[in-house]
Amino acid sequence: MAPAAGEDVAGTPLRLEWSDRARRQLLEILDYYLEHASAAAAERVLWQIEGRARELAQHPLSGVAVDGLDGTYRRDRTGSYALLYRVLREDDSVRILSVRHGRRKPLSSGEIAELDES
């Protein structure tokens, strides 16, 4: 049986990596919820974002390809947050590049490519 769209050839999830920037952004999001809401709210948001990232490692092509870049750069949403990521087949990995609130101005394709270099 052929793997479902977005799965790697072996049908196993790709390795999930977080860029330093994405980790910092995730911590900033958690700090915001801890300060303005509650620990329970922070935990829910963390579970939501990390859970979606794990799903992207299982189905890396489920996000939308970023216009103006090769198909390895993709974006996806979970709740109020946008995840920018890159599918790196040569490393068998999905790299989360950025976690941003969905109401923020979207990054241009050039800005997204720069995230991968930092």
PDB file of N, CA and C in Angstrom:
ATOM      1  N   MET A   1       0.844  -1.180   0.000  1.00  0.00           N
ATOM      2  CA  MET A   1       0.000   0.000   0.000  1.00  0.00           C
ATOM      3  C   MET A   1       0.882   1.233   0.000  1.00  0.00           C
ATOM      4  N   ALA A   2       0.599   2.213  -0.835  1.00  0.00           N
ATOM      5  CA  ALA A   2       1.395   3.436  -0.948  1.00  0.00           C
ATOM      6  C   ALA A   2       1.137   4.327   0.263  1.00  0.00           C
ATOM      7  N   PRO A   3       2.169   5.092   0.692  1.00  0.00           N
ATOM      8  CA  PRO A   3       1.955   5.993   1.819  1.00  0.00           C
ATOM      9  C   PRO A   3       0.981   7.100   1.452  1.00  0.00           C
ATOM     10  N   ALA A   4       0.283   7.613   2.440  1.00  0.00           N
ATOM     11  CA  ALA A   4      -0.645   8.725   2.238  1.00  0.00           C
ATOM     12  C   ALA A   4       0.132   9.966   1.841  1.00  0.00           C
ATOM     13  N   ALA A   5      -0.537  10.896   1.194  1.00  0.00           N
ATOM     14  CA  ALA A   5       0.118  12.140   0.786  1.00  0.00           C
ATOM     15  C   ALA A   5       0.752  12.808   2.002  1.00  0.00           C
ATOM     16  N   GLY A   6       2.000  13.184   1.850  1.00  0.00           N
ATOM     17  CA  GLY A   6       2.697  13.866   2.929  1.00  0.00           C
ATOM     18  C   GLY A   6       3.531  12.956   3.792  1.00  0.00           C
ATOM     19  N   GLU A   7       3.349  11.655   3.694  1.00  0.00           N
ATOM     20  CA  GLU A   7       4.171  10.736   4.481  1.00  0.00           C
ATOM     21  C   GLU A   7       5.449  10.442   3.723  1.00  0.00           C
ATOM     22  N   ASP A   8       6.490  10.120   4.450  1.00  0.00           N
ATOM     23  CA  ASP A   8       7.714   9.727   3.762  1.00  0.00           C
ATOM     24  C   ASP A   8       7.532   8.316   3.215  1.00  0.00           C
ATOM     25  N   VAL A   9       8.472   7.867   2.421  1.00  0.00           N
ATOM     26  CA  VAL A   9       8.333   6.601   1.715  1.00  0.00           C
ATOM     27  C   VAL A   9       8.122   5.435   2.667  1.00  0.00           C
ATOM     28  N   ALA A  10       8.826   5.450   3.798  1.00  0.00           N
ATOM     29  CA  ALA A  10       8.695   4.345   4.746  1.00  0.00           C
ATOM     30  C   ALA A  10       7.392   4.428   5.540  1.00  0.00           C
ATOM     31  N   GLY A  11       6.680   5.549   5.462  1.00  0.00           N
ATOM     32  CA  GLY A  11       5.449   5.718   6.211  1.00  0.00           C
ATOM     33  C   GLY A  11       5.673   6.084   7.670  1.00  0.00           C
ATOM     34  N   THR A  12       6.913   6.351   8.041  1.00  0.00           N
ATOM     35  CA  THR A  12       7.210   6.751   9.411  1.00  0.00           C
ATOM     36  C   THR A  12       7.361   8.268   9.468  1.00  0.00           C
ATOM     37  N   PRO A  13       7.077   8.863  10.609  1.00  0.00           N
ATOM     38  CA  PRO A  13       7.198  10.312  10.713  1.00  0.00           C
ATOM     39  C   PRO A  13       8.640  10.779  10.495  1.00  0.00           C
ATOM     40  N   LEU A  14       8.753  11.986   9.963  1.00  0.00           N
ATOM     41  CA  LEU A  14      10.057  12.608   9.854  1.00  0.00           C
ATOM     42  C   LEU A  14      10.463  13.120  11.231  1.00  0.00           C
ATOM     43  N   ARG A  15      11.741  13.353  11.420  1.00  0.00           N
ATOM     44  CA  ARG A  15      12.241  13.897  12.691  1.00  0.00           C
ATOM     45  C   ARG A  15      11.799  15.360  12.797  1.00  0.00           C
ATOM     46  N   LEU A  16      11.357  15.763  13.961  1.00  0.00           N
ATOM     47  CA  LEU A  16      10.902  17.125  14.208  1.00  0.00           C
ATOM     48  C   LEU A  16      12.030  17.933  14.829  1.00  0.00           C
ATOM     49  N   GLU A  17      12.347  19.071  14.219  1.00  0.00           N
ATOM     50  CA  GLU A  17      13.358  19.987  14.738  1.00  0.00           C
ATOM     51  C   GLU A  17      12.721  21.356  14.928  1.00  0.00           C
ATOM     52  N   TRP A  18      13.211  22.084  15.919  1.00  0.00           N
ATOM     53  CA  TRP A  18      12.763  23.449  16.170  1.00  0.00           C
ATOM     54  C   TRP A  18      13.967  24.371  16.027  1.00  0.00           C
ATOM     55  N   SER A  19      13.835  25.431  15.243  1.00  0.00           N
ATOM     56  CA  SER A  19      14.915  26.412  15.158  1.00  0.00           C
ATOM     57  C   SER A  19      14.987  27.153  16.492  1.00  0.00           C
ATOM     58  N   ASP A  20      16.127  27.764  16.746  1.00  0.00           N
ATOM     59  CA  ASP A  20      16.260  28.556  17.974  1.00  0.00           C
ATOM     60  C   ASP A  20      15.212  29.663  18.014  1.00  0.00           C
ATOM     61  N   ARG A  21      14.968  30.294  16.874  1.00  0.00           N
ATOM     62  CA  ARG A  21      13.962  31.364  16.800  1.00  0.00           C
ATOM     63  C   ARG A  21      12.584  30.831  17.184  1.00  0.00           C
ATOM     64  N   ALA A  22      12.198  29.685  16.635  1.00  0.00           N
ATOM     65  CA  ALA A  22      10.879  29.115  16.932  1.00  0.00           C
ATOM     66  C   ALA A  22      10.765  28.761  18.411  1.00  0.00           C
ATOM     67  N   ARG A  23      11.838  28.242  18.996  1.00  0.00           N
ATOM     68  CA  ARG A  23      11.811  27.929  20.439  1.00  0.00           C
ATOM     69  C   ARG A  23      11.628  29.199  21.268  1.00  0.00           C
ATOM     70  N   ARG A  24      12.352  30.262  20.899  1.00  0.00           N
ATOM     71  CA  ARG A  24      12.205  31.545  21.615  1.00  0.00           C
ATOM     72  C   ARG A  24      10.776  32.063  21.480  1.00  0.00           C
ATOM     73  N   GLN A  25      10.230  31.996  20.280  1.00  0.00           N
ATOM     74  CA  GLN A  25       8.864  32.476  20.068  1.00  0.00           C
ATOM     75  C   GLN A  25       7.864  31.675  20.897  1.00  0.00           C
ATOM     76  N   LEU A  26       8.057  30.371  20.962  1.00  0.00           N
ATOM     77  CA  LEU A  26       7.167  29.528  21.754  1.00  0.00           C
ATOM     78  C   LEU A  26       7.248  29.907  23.230  1.00  0.00           C
ATOM     79  N   LEU A  27       8.447  30.149  23.729  1.00  0.00           N
ATOM     80  CA  LEU A  27       8.604  30.589  25.125  1.00  0.00           C
ATOM     81  C   LEU A  27       7.943  31.944  25.366  1.00  0.00           C
ATOM     82  N   GLU A  28       8.052  32.847  24.411  1.00  0.00           N
ATOM     83  CA  GLU A  28       7.397  34.165  24.536  1.00  0.00           C
ATOM     84  C   GLU A  28       5.881  34.012  24.585  1.00  0.00           C
ATOM     85  N   ILE A  29       5.349  33.112  23.773  1.00  0.00           N
ATOM     86  CA  ILE A  29       3.905  32.854  23.780  1.00  0.00           C
ATOM     87  C   ILE A  29       3.488  32.309  25.142  1.00  0.00           C
ATOM     88  N   LEU A  30       4.244  31.364  25.676  1.00  0.00           N
ATOM     89  CA  LEU A  30       3.922  30.794  26.982  1.00  0.00           C
ATOM     90  C   LEU A  30       4.002  31.848  28.074  1.00  0.00           C
ATOM     91  N   ASP A  31       5.043  32.684  28.038  1.00  0.00           N
ATOM     92  CA  ASP A  31       5.173  33.766  29.020  1.00  0.00           C
ATOM     93  C   ASP A  31       3.967  34.698  28.966  1.00  0.00           C
ATOM     94  N   TYR A  32       3.504  35.005  27.755  1.00  0.00           N
ATOM     95  CA  TYR A  32       2.345  35.872  27.606  1.00  0.00           C
ATOM     96  C   TYR A  32       1.125  35.259  28.305  1.00  0.00           C
ATOM     97  N   TYR A  33       0.858  33.987  28.041  1.00  0.00           N
ATOM     98  CA  TYR A  33      -0.301  33.335  28.648  1.00  0.00           C
ATOM     99  C   TYR A  33      -0.150  33.219  30.161  1.00  0.00           C
ATOM    100  N   LEU A  34       1.054  32.966  30.626  1.00  0.00           N
ATOM    101  CA  LEU A  34       1.269  32.887  32.071  1.00  0.00           C
ATOM    102  C   LEU A  34       1.006  34.234  32.736  1.00  0.00           C
ATOM    103  N   GLU A  35       1.397  35.317  32.053  1.00  0.00           N
ATOM    104  CA  GLU A  35       1.220  36.661  32.619  1.00  0.00           C
ATOM    105  C   GLU A  35      -0.212  37.167  32.493  1.00  0.00           C
ATOM    106  N   HIS A  36      -0.853  36.888  31.365  1.00  0.00           N
ATOM    107  CA  HIS A  36      -2.158  37.490  31.080  1.00  0.00           C
ATOM    108  C   HIS A  36      -3.341  36.541  31.236  1.00  0.00           C
ATOM    109  N   ALA A  37      -3.083  35.259  31.394  1.00  0.00           N
ATOM    110  CA  ALA A  37      -4.183  34.294  31.525  1.00  0.00           C
ATOM    111  C   ALA A  37      -3.876  33.378  32.702  1.00  0.00           C
ATOM    112  N   SER A  38      -3.440  32.162  32.430  1.00  0.00           N
ATOM    113  CA  SER A  38      -3.173  31.208  33.510  1.00  0.00           C
ATOM    114  C   SER A  38      -2.194  30.143  33.035  1.00  0.00           C
ATOM    115  N   ALA A  39      -1.701  29.396  33.985  1.00  0.00           N
ATOM    116  CA  ALA A  39      -0.812  28.284  33.648  1.00  0.00           C
ATOM    117  C   ALA A  39      -1.564  27.242  32.818  1.00  0.00           C
ATOM    118  N   ALA A  40      -2.830  27.041  33.137  1.00  0.00           N
ATOM    119  CA  ALA A  40      -3.630  26.071  32.379  1.00  0.00           C
ATOM    120  C   ALA A  40      -3.782  26.519  30.923  1.00  0.00           C
ATOM    121  N   ALA A  41      -4.007  27.808  30.705  1.00  0.00           N
ATOM    122  CA  ALA A  41      -4.124  28.326  29.337  1.00  0.00           C
ATOM    123  C   ALA A  41      -2.801  28.185  28.597  1.00  0.00           C
ATOM    124  N   ALA A  42      -1.693  28.470  29.269  1.00  0.00           N
ATOM    125  CA  ALA A  42      -0.365  28.326  28.662  1.00  0.00           C
ATOM    126  C   ALA A  42      -0.129  26.871  28.264  1.00  0.00           C
ATOM    127  N   GLU A  43      -0.510  25.963  29.140  1.00  0.00           N
ATOM    128  CA  GLU A  43      -0.323  24.539  28.854  1.00  0.00           C
ATOM    129  C   GLU A  43      -1.159  24.098  27.657  1.00  0.00           C
ATOM    130  N   ARG A  44      -2.402  24.584  27.568  1.00  0.00           N
ATOM    131  CA  ARG A  44      -3.269  24.231  26.435  1.00  0.00           C
ATOM    132  C   ARG A  44      -2.661  24.702  25.116  1.00  0.00           C
ATOM    133  N   VAL A  45      -2.160  25.945  25.106  1.00  0.00           N
ATOM    134  CA  VAL A  45      -1.563  26.492  23.884  1.00  0.00           C
ATOM    135  C   VAL A  45      -0.301  25.717  23.517  1.00  0.00           C
ATOM    136  N   LEU A  46       0.512  25.393  24.509  1.00  0.00           N
ATOM    137  CA  LEU A  46       1.721  24.615  24.262  1.00  0.00           C
ATOM    138  C   LEU A  46       1.364  23.258  23.645  1.00  0.00           C
ATOM    139  N   TRP A  47       0.396  22.565  24.226  1.00  0.00           N
ATOM    140  CA  TRP A  47      -0.026  21.257  23.712  1.00  0.00           C
ATOM    141  C   TRP A  47      -0.546  21.382  22.283  1.00  0.00           C
ATOM    142  N   GLN A  48      -1.291  22.453  22.028  1.00  0.00           N
ATOM    143  CA  GLN A  48      -1.857  22.663  20.696  1.00  0.00           C
ATOM    144  C   GLN A  48      -0.749  22.862  19.657  1.00  0.00           C
ATOM    145  N   ILE A  49       0.201  23.740  19.948  1.00  0.00           N
ATOM    146  CA  ILE A  49       1.271  24.042  18.994  1.00  0.00           C
ATOM    147  C   ILE A  49       2.200  22.841  18.821  1.00  0.00           C
ATOM    148  N   GLU A  50       2.631  22.250  19.932  1.00  0.00           N
ATOM    149  CA  GLU A  50       3.522  21.095  19.827  1.00  0.00           C
ATOM    150  C   GLU A  50       2.818  19.910  19.161  1.00  0.00           C
ATOM    151  N   GLY A  51       1.536  19.736  19.441  1.00  0.00           N
ATOM    152  CA  GLY A  51       0.783  18.649  18.824  1.00  0.00           C
ATOM    153  C   GLY A  51       0.693  18.815  17.316  1.00  0.00           C
ATOM    154  N   ARG A  52       0.434  20.039  16.881  1.00  0.00           N
ATOM    155  CA  ARG A  52       0.364  20.279  15.430  1.00  0.00           C
ATOM    156  C   ARG A  52       1.730  20.075  14.789  1.00  0.00           C
ATOM    157  N   ALA A  53       2.797  20.480  15.460  1.00  0.00           N
ATOM    158  CA  ALA A  53       4.149  20.271  14.930  1.00  0.00           C
ATOM    159  C   ALA A  53       4.426  18.774  14.757  1.00  0.00           C
ATOM    160  N   ARG A  54       4.012  17.957  15.732  1.00  0.00           N
ATOM    161  CA  ARG A  54       4.193  16.506  15.612  1.00  0.00           C
ATOM    162  C   ARG A  54       3.388  15.949  14.431  1.00  0.00           C
ATOM    163  N   GLU A  55       2.179  16.477  14.218  1.00  0.00           N
ATOM    164  CA  GLU A  55       1.370  16.047  13.077  1.00  0.00           C
ATOM    165  C   GLU A  55       2.052  16.414  11.759  1.00  0.00           C
ATOM    166  N   LEU A  56       2.699  17.579  11.724  1.00  0.00           N
ATOM    167  CA  LEU A  56       3.408  17.983  10.508  1.00  0.00           C
ATOM    168  C   LEU A  56       4.574  17.053  10.217  1.00  0.00           C
ATOM    169  N   ALA A  57       5.202  16.532  11.263  1.00  0.00           N
ATOM    170  CA  ALA A  57       6.289  15.562  11.059  1.00  0.00           C
ATOM    171  C   ALA A  57       5.729  14.261  10.469  1.00  0.00           C
ATOM    172  N   GLN A  58       4.491  13.928  10.795  1.00  0.00           N
ATOM    173  CA  GLN A  58       3.860  12.715  10.249  1.00  0.00           C
ATOM    174  C   GLN A  58       3.324  12.944   8.840  1.00  0.00           C
ATOM    175  N   HIS A  59       2.861  14.158   8.579  1.00  0.00           N
ATOM    176  CA  HIS A  59       2.255  14.509   7.291  1.00  0.00           C
ATOM    177  C   HIS A  59       2.836  15.840   6.825  1.00  0.00           C
ATOM    178  N   PRO A  60       4.093  15.851   6.424  1.00  0.00           N
ATOM    179  CA  PRO A  60       4.802  17.108   6.162  1.00  0.00           C
ATOM    180  C   PRO A  60       4.240  17.949   5.022  1.00  0.00           C
ATOM    181  N   LEU A  61       3.507  17.361   4.119  1.00  0.00           N
ATOM    182  CA  LEU A  61       2.965  18.133   3.003  1.00  0.00           C
ATOM    183  C   LEU A  61       1.562  18.650   3.278  1.00  0.00           C
ATOM    184  N   SER A  62       1.085  18.511   4.500  1.00  0.00           N
ATOM    185  CA  SER A  62      -0.277  18.956   4.819  1.00  0.00           C
ATOM    186  C   SER A  62      -0.394  20.475   4.887  1.00  0.00           C
ATOM    187  N   GLY A  63       0.704  21.175   5.129  1.00  0.00           N
ATOM    188  CA  GLY A  63       0.682  22.631   5.117  1.00  0.00           C
ATOM    189  C   GLY A  63       0.695  23.155   3.693  1.00  0.00           C
ATOM    190  N   VAL A  64       0.464  24.447   3.556  1.00  0.00           N
ATOM    191  CA  VAL A  64       0.417  25.102   2.251  1.00  0.00           C
ATOM    192  C   VAL A  64       1.824  25.551   1.864  1.00  0.00           C
ATOM    193  N   ALA A  65       2.223  25.265   0.625  1.00  0.00           N
ATOM    194  CA  ALA A  65       3.534  25.705   0.137  1.00  0.00           C
ATOM    195  C   ALA A  65       3.572  27.230   0.108  1.00  0.00           C
ATOM    196  N   VAL A  66       4.717  27.804   0.462  1.00  0.00           N
ATOM    197  CA  VAL A  66       4.899  29.257   0.452  1.00  0.00           C
ATOM    198  C   VAL A  66       5.173  29.707  -0.979  1.00  0.00           C
ATOM    199  N   ASP A  67       4.351  30.613  -1.479  1.00  0.00           N
ATOM    200  CA  ASP A  67       4.551  31.148  -2.824  1.00  0.00           C
ATOM    201  C   ASP A  67       5.918  31.814  -2.926  1.00  0.00           C
ATOM    202  N   GLY A  68       6.585  31.626  -4.047  1.00  0.00           N
ATOM    203  CA  GLY A  68       7.857  32.281  -4.289  1.00  0.00           C
ATOM    204  C   GLY A  68       9.069  31.510  -3.787  1.00  0.00           C
ATOM    205  N   LEU A  69       8.836  30.389  -3.112  1.00  0.00           N
ATOM    206  CA  LEU A  69       9.938  29.548  -2.623  1.00  0.00           C
ATOM    207  C   LEU A  69       9.710  28.129  -3.118  1.00  0.00           C
ATOM    208  N   ASP A  70      10.771  27.310  -3.043  1.00  0.00           N
ATOM    209  CA  ASP A  70      10.578  25.924  -3.459  1.00  0.00           C
ATOM    210  C   ASP A  70       9.579  25.260  -2.506  1.00  0.00           C
ATOM    211  N   GLY A  71       9.050  24.144  -2.889  1.00  0.00           N
ATOM    212  CA  GLY A  71       7.986  23.479  -2.139  1.00  0.00           C
ATOM    213  C   GLY A  71       8.370  22.966  -0.770  1.00  0.00           C
ATOM    214  N   THR A  72       9.630  23.114  -0.376  1.00  0.00           N
ATOM    215  CA  THR A  72      10.035  22.639   0.944  1.00  0.00           C
ATOM    216  C   THR A  72       9.601  23.590   2.049  1.00  0.00           C
ATOM    217  N   TYR A  73       9.324  24.854   1.705  1.00  0.00           N
ATOM    218  CA  TYR A  73       8.872  25.838   2.689  1.00  0.00           C
ATOM    219  C   TYR A  73       7.356  25.818   2.719  1.00  0.00           C
ATOM    220  N   ARG A  74       6.797  25.663   3.929  1.00  0.00           N
ATOM    221  CA  ARG A  74       5.358  25.528   4.040  1.00  0.00           C
ATOM    222  C   ARG A  74       4.847  26.292   5.268  1.00  0.00           C
ATOM    223  N   ARG A  75       3.561  26.556   5.277  1.00  0.00           N
ATOM    224  CA  ARG A  75       2.933  27.195   6.440  1.00  0.00           C
ATOM    225  C   ARG A  75       1.661  26.445   6.796  1.00  0.00           C
ATOM    226  N   ASP A  76       1.340  26.507   8.089  1.00  0.00           N
ATOM    227  CA  ASP A  76       0.155  25.826   8.583  1.00  0.00           C
ATOM    228  C   ASP A  76      -0.352  26.615   9.785  1.00  0.00           C
ATOM    229  N   ARG A  77      -1.594  26.380  10.158  1.00  0.00           N
ATOM    230  CA  ARG A  77      -2.178  27.075  11.313  1.00  0.00           C
ATOM    231  C   ARG A  77      -2.673  26.071  12.336  1.00  0.00           C
ATOM    232  N   THR A  78      -2.599  26.512  13.577  1.00  0.00           N
ATOM    233  CA  THR A  78      -3.233  25.764  14.660  1.00  0.00           C
ATOM    234  C   THR A  78      -3.784  26.793  15.624  1.00  0.00           C
ATOM    235  N   GLY A  79      -5.078  26.784  15.820  1.00  0.00           N
ATOM    236  CA  GLY A  79      -5.691  27.802  16.669  1.00  0.00           C
ATOM    237  C   GLY A  79      -5.376  29.187  16.138  1.00  0.00           C
ATOM    238  N   SER A  80      -4.841  30.038  16.995  1.00  0.00           N
ATOM    239  CA  SER A  80      -4.517  31.409  16.621  1.00  0.00           C
ATOM    240  C   SER A  80      -3.110  31.569  16.060  1.00  0.00           C
ATOM    241  N   TYR A  81      -2.379  30.489  15.892  1.00  0.00           N
ATOM    242  CA  TYR A  81      -0.962  30.577  15.549  1.00  0.00           C
ATOM    243  C   TYR A  81      -0.643  29.978  14.181  1.00  0.00           C
ATOM    244  N   ALA A  82       0.322  30.618  13.520  1.00  0.00           N
ATOM    245  CA  ALA A  82       0.835  30.153  12.232  1.00  0.00           C
ATOM    246  C   ALA A  82       2.210  29.541  12.461  1.00  0.00           C
ATOM    247  N   LEU A  83       2.409  28.367  11.899  1.00  0.00           N
ATOM    248  CA  LEU A  83       3.710  27.703  11.952  1.00  0.00           C
ATOM    249  C   LEU A  83       4.314  27.759  10.558  1.00  0.00           C
ATOM    250  N   LEU A  84       5.530  28.251  10.483  1.00  0.00           N
ATOM    251  CA  LEU A  84       6.295  28.225   9.244  1.00  0.00           C
ATOM    252  C   LEU A  84       7.321  27.126   9.399  1.00  0.00           C
ATOM    253  N   TYR A  85       7.423  26.277   8.401  1.00  0.00           N
ATOM    254  CA  TYR A  85       8.336  25.141   8.531  1.00  0.00           C
ATOM    255  C   TYR A  85       8.927  24.761   7.188  1.00  0.00           C
ATOM    256  N   ARG A  86       9.932  23.923   7.243  1.00  0.00           N
ATOM    257  CA  ARG A  86      10.587  23.450   6.033  1.00  0.00           C
ATOM    258  C   ARG A  86      10.716  21.934   6.106  1.00  0.00           C
ATOM    259  N   VAL A  87      10.410  21.277   5.008  1.00  0.00           N
ATOM    260  CA  VAL A  87      10.546  19.826   4.899  1.00  0.00           C
ATOM    261  C   VAL A  87      11.918  19.547   4.299  1.00  0.00           C
ATOM    262  N   LEU A  88      12.771  18.895   5.073  1.00  0.00           N
ATOM    263  CA  LEU A  88      14.138  18.604   4.643  1.00  0.00           C
ATOM    264  C   LEU A  88      14.265  17.104   4.412  1.00  0.00           C
ATOM    265  N   ARG A  89      13.948  16.661   3.230  1.00  0.00           N
ATOM    266  CA  ARG A  89      13.952  15.234   2.904  1.00  0.00           C
ATOM    267  C   ARG A  89      15.338  14.624   3.047  1.00  0.00           C
ATOM    268  N   GLU A  90      16.398  15.408   2.696  1.00  0.00           N
ATOM    269  CA  GLU A  90      17.745  14.844   2.781  1.00  0.00           C
ATOM    270  C   GLU A  90      18.133  14.523   4.225  1.00  0.00           C
ATOM    271  N   ASP A  91      17.507  15.201   5.187  1.00  0.00           N
ATOM    272  CA  ASP A  91      17.748  14.937   6.610  1.00  0.00           C
ATOM    273  C   ASP A  91      16.607  14.156   7.247  1.00  0.00           C
ATOM    274  N   ASP A  92      15.601  13.808   6.457  1.00  0.00           N
ATOM    275  CA  ASP A  92      14.399  13.153   6.986  1.00  0.00           C
ATOM    276  C   ASP A  92      13.824  13.933   8.157  1.00  0.00           C
ATOM    277  N   SER A  93      13.683  15.263   7.963  1.00  0.00           N
ATOM    278  CA  SER A  93      13.205  16.082   9.077  1.00  0.00           C
ATOM    279  C   SER A  93      12.250  17.179   8.615  1.00  0.00           C
ATOM    280  N   VAL A  94      11.475  17.642   9.572  1.00  0.00           N
ATOM    281  CA  VAL A  94      10.641  18.831   9.437  1.00  0.00           C
ATOM    282  C   VAL A  94      11.205  19.825  10.442  1.00  0.00           C
ATOM    283  N   ARG A  95      11.560  21.022   9.967  1.00  0.00           N
ATOM    284  CA  ARG A  95      12.159  22.048  10.826  1.00  0.00           C
ATOM    285  C   ARG A  95      11.174  23.192  10.990  1.00  0.00           C
ATOM    286  N   ILE A  96      10.719  23.407  12.220  1.00  0.00           N
ATOM    287  CA  ILE A  96       9.835  24.526  12.522  1.00  0.00           C
ATOM    288  C   ILE A  96      10.702  25.780  12.560  1.00  0.00           C
ATOM    289  N   LEU A  97      10.399  26.739  11.691  1.00  0.00           N
ATOM    290  CA  LEU A  97      11.198  27.951  11.579  1.00  0.00           C
ATOM    291  C   LEU A  97      10.653  29.096  12.412  1.00  0.00           C
ATOM    292  N   SER A  98       9.319  29.146  12.558  1.00  0.00           N
ATOM    293  CA  SER A  98       8.707  30.274  13.250  1.00  0.00           C
ATOM    294  C   SER A  98       7.320  29.900  13.748  1.00  0.00           C
ATOM    295  N   VAL A  99       6.946  30.463  14.896  1.00  0.00           N
ATOM    296  CA  VAL A  99       5.598  30.337  15.450  1.00  0.00           C
ATOM    297  C   VAL A  99       5.132  31.768  15.721  1.00  0.00           C
ATOM    298  N   ARG A 100       4.119  32.196  14.982  1.00  0.00           N
ATOM    299  CA  ARG A 100       3.642  33.585  15.084  1.00  0.00           C
ATOM    300  C   ARG A 100       2.127  33.614  15.243  1.00  0.00           C
ATOM    301  N   HIS A 101       1.648  34.654  15.919  1.00  0.00           N
ATOM    302  CA  HIS A 101       0.204  34.826  16.022  1.00  0.00           C
ATOM    303  C   HIS A 101      -0.349  35.071  14.627  1.00  0.00           C
ATOM    304  N   GLY A 102      -1.460  34.461  14.317  1.00  0.00           N
ATOM    305  CA  GLY A 102      -2.049  34.541  12.991  1.00  0.00           C
ATOM    306  C   GLY A 102      -2.505  35.920  12.573  1.00  0.00           C
ATOM    307  N   ARG A 103      -2.683  36.834  13.519  1.00  0.00           N
ATOM    308  CA  ARG A 103      -3.116  38.186  13.176  1.00  0.00           C
ATOM    309  C   ARG A 103      -1.956  39.097  12.786  1.00  0.00           C
ATOM    310  N   ARG A 104      -0.746  38.625  12.998  1.00  0.00           N
ATOM    311  CA  ARG A 104       0.413  39.426  12.599  1.00  0.00           C
ATOM    312  C   ARG A 104       0.535  39.437  11.083  1.00  0.00           C
ATOM    313  N   LYS A 105       1.156  40.473  10.576  1.00  0.00           N
ATOM    314  CA  LYS A 105       1.377  40.581   9.133  1.00  0.00           C
ATOM    315  C   LYS A 105       2.166  39.365   8.658  1.00  0.00           C
ATOM    316  N   PRO A 106       1.691  38.695   7.610  1.00  0.00           N
ATOM    317  CA  PRO A 106       2.426  37.525   7.111  1.00  0.00           C
ATOM    318  C   PRO A 106       3.823  37.915   6.627  1.00  0.00           C
ATOM    319  N   LEU A 107       4.763  37.019   6.818  1.00  0.00           N
ATOM    320  CA  LEU A 107       6.113  37.244   6.334  1.00  0.00           C
ATOM    321  C   LEU A 107       6.163  37.026   4.827  1.00  0.00           C
ATOM    322  N   SER A 108       7.012  37.785   4.151  1.00  0.00           N
ATOM    323  CA  SER A 108       7.210  37.589   2.720  1.00  0.00           C
ATOM    324  C   SER A 108       8.035  36.326   2.504  1.00  0.00           C
ATOM    325  N   SER A 109       8.066  35.851   1.274  1.00  0.00           N
ATOM    326  CA  SER A 109       8.858  34.656   0.983  1.00  0.00           C
ATOM    327  C   SER A 109      10.334  34.906   1.283  1.00  0.00           C
ATOM    328  N   GLY A 110      10.830  36.101   1.024  1.00  0.00           N
ATOM    329  CA  GLY A 110      12.226  36.429   1.332  1.00  0.00           C
ATOM    330  C   GLY A 110      12.503  36.390   2.825  1.00  0.00           C
ATOM    331  N   GLU A 111      11.572  36.925   3.612  1.00  0.00           N
ATOM    332  CA  GLU A 111      11.743  36.889   5.072  1.00  0.00           C
ATOM    333  C   GLU A 111      11.720  35.451   5.588  1.00  0.00           C
ATOM    334  N   ILE A 112      10.877  34.616   4.988  1.00  0.00           N
ATOM    335  CA  ILE A 112      10.808  33.220   5.417  1.00  0.00           C
ATOM    336  C   ILE A 112      12.108  32.494   5.102  1.00  0.00           C
ATOM    337  N   ALA A 113      12.645  32.729   3.913  1.00  0.00           N
ATOM    338  CA  ALA A 113      13.918  32.084   3.550  1.00  0.00           C
ATOM    339  C   ALA A 113      15.028  32.527   4.496  1.00  0.00           C
ATOM    340  N   GLU A 114      15.014  33.787   4.932  1.00  0.00           N
ATOM    341  CA  GLU A 114      16.023  34.282   5.874  1.00  0.00           C
ATOM    342  C   GLU A 114      15.908  33.601   7.225  1.00  0.00           C
ATOM    343  N   LEU A 115      14.705  33.194   7.626  1.00  0.00           N
ATOM    344  CA  LEU A 115      14.533  32.502   8.908  1.00  0.00           C
ATOM    345  C   LEU A 115      15.360  31.226   8.948  1.00  0.00           C
ATOM    346  N   ASP A 116      15.447  30.575   7.806  1.00  0.00           N
ATOM    347  CA  ASP A 116      16.168  29.315   7.732  1.00  0.00           C
ATOM    348  C   ASP A 116      17.678  29.514   7.831  1.00  0.00           C
ATOM    349  N   GLU A 117      18.131  30.726   7.552  1.00  0.00           N
ATOM    350  CA  GLU A 117      19.563  31.019   7.582  1.00  0.00           C
ATOM    351  C   GLU A 117      20.024  31.476   8.960  1.00  0.00           C
ATOM    352  N   SER A 118      19.080  31.883   9.808  1.00  0.00           N
ATOM    353  CA  SER A 118      19.472  32.428  11.115  1.00  0.00           C
ATOM    354  C   SER A 118      19.521  31.366  12.177  1.00  0.00           C
TER     355      SER A 118
END
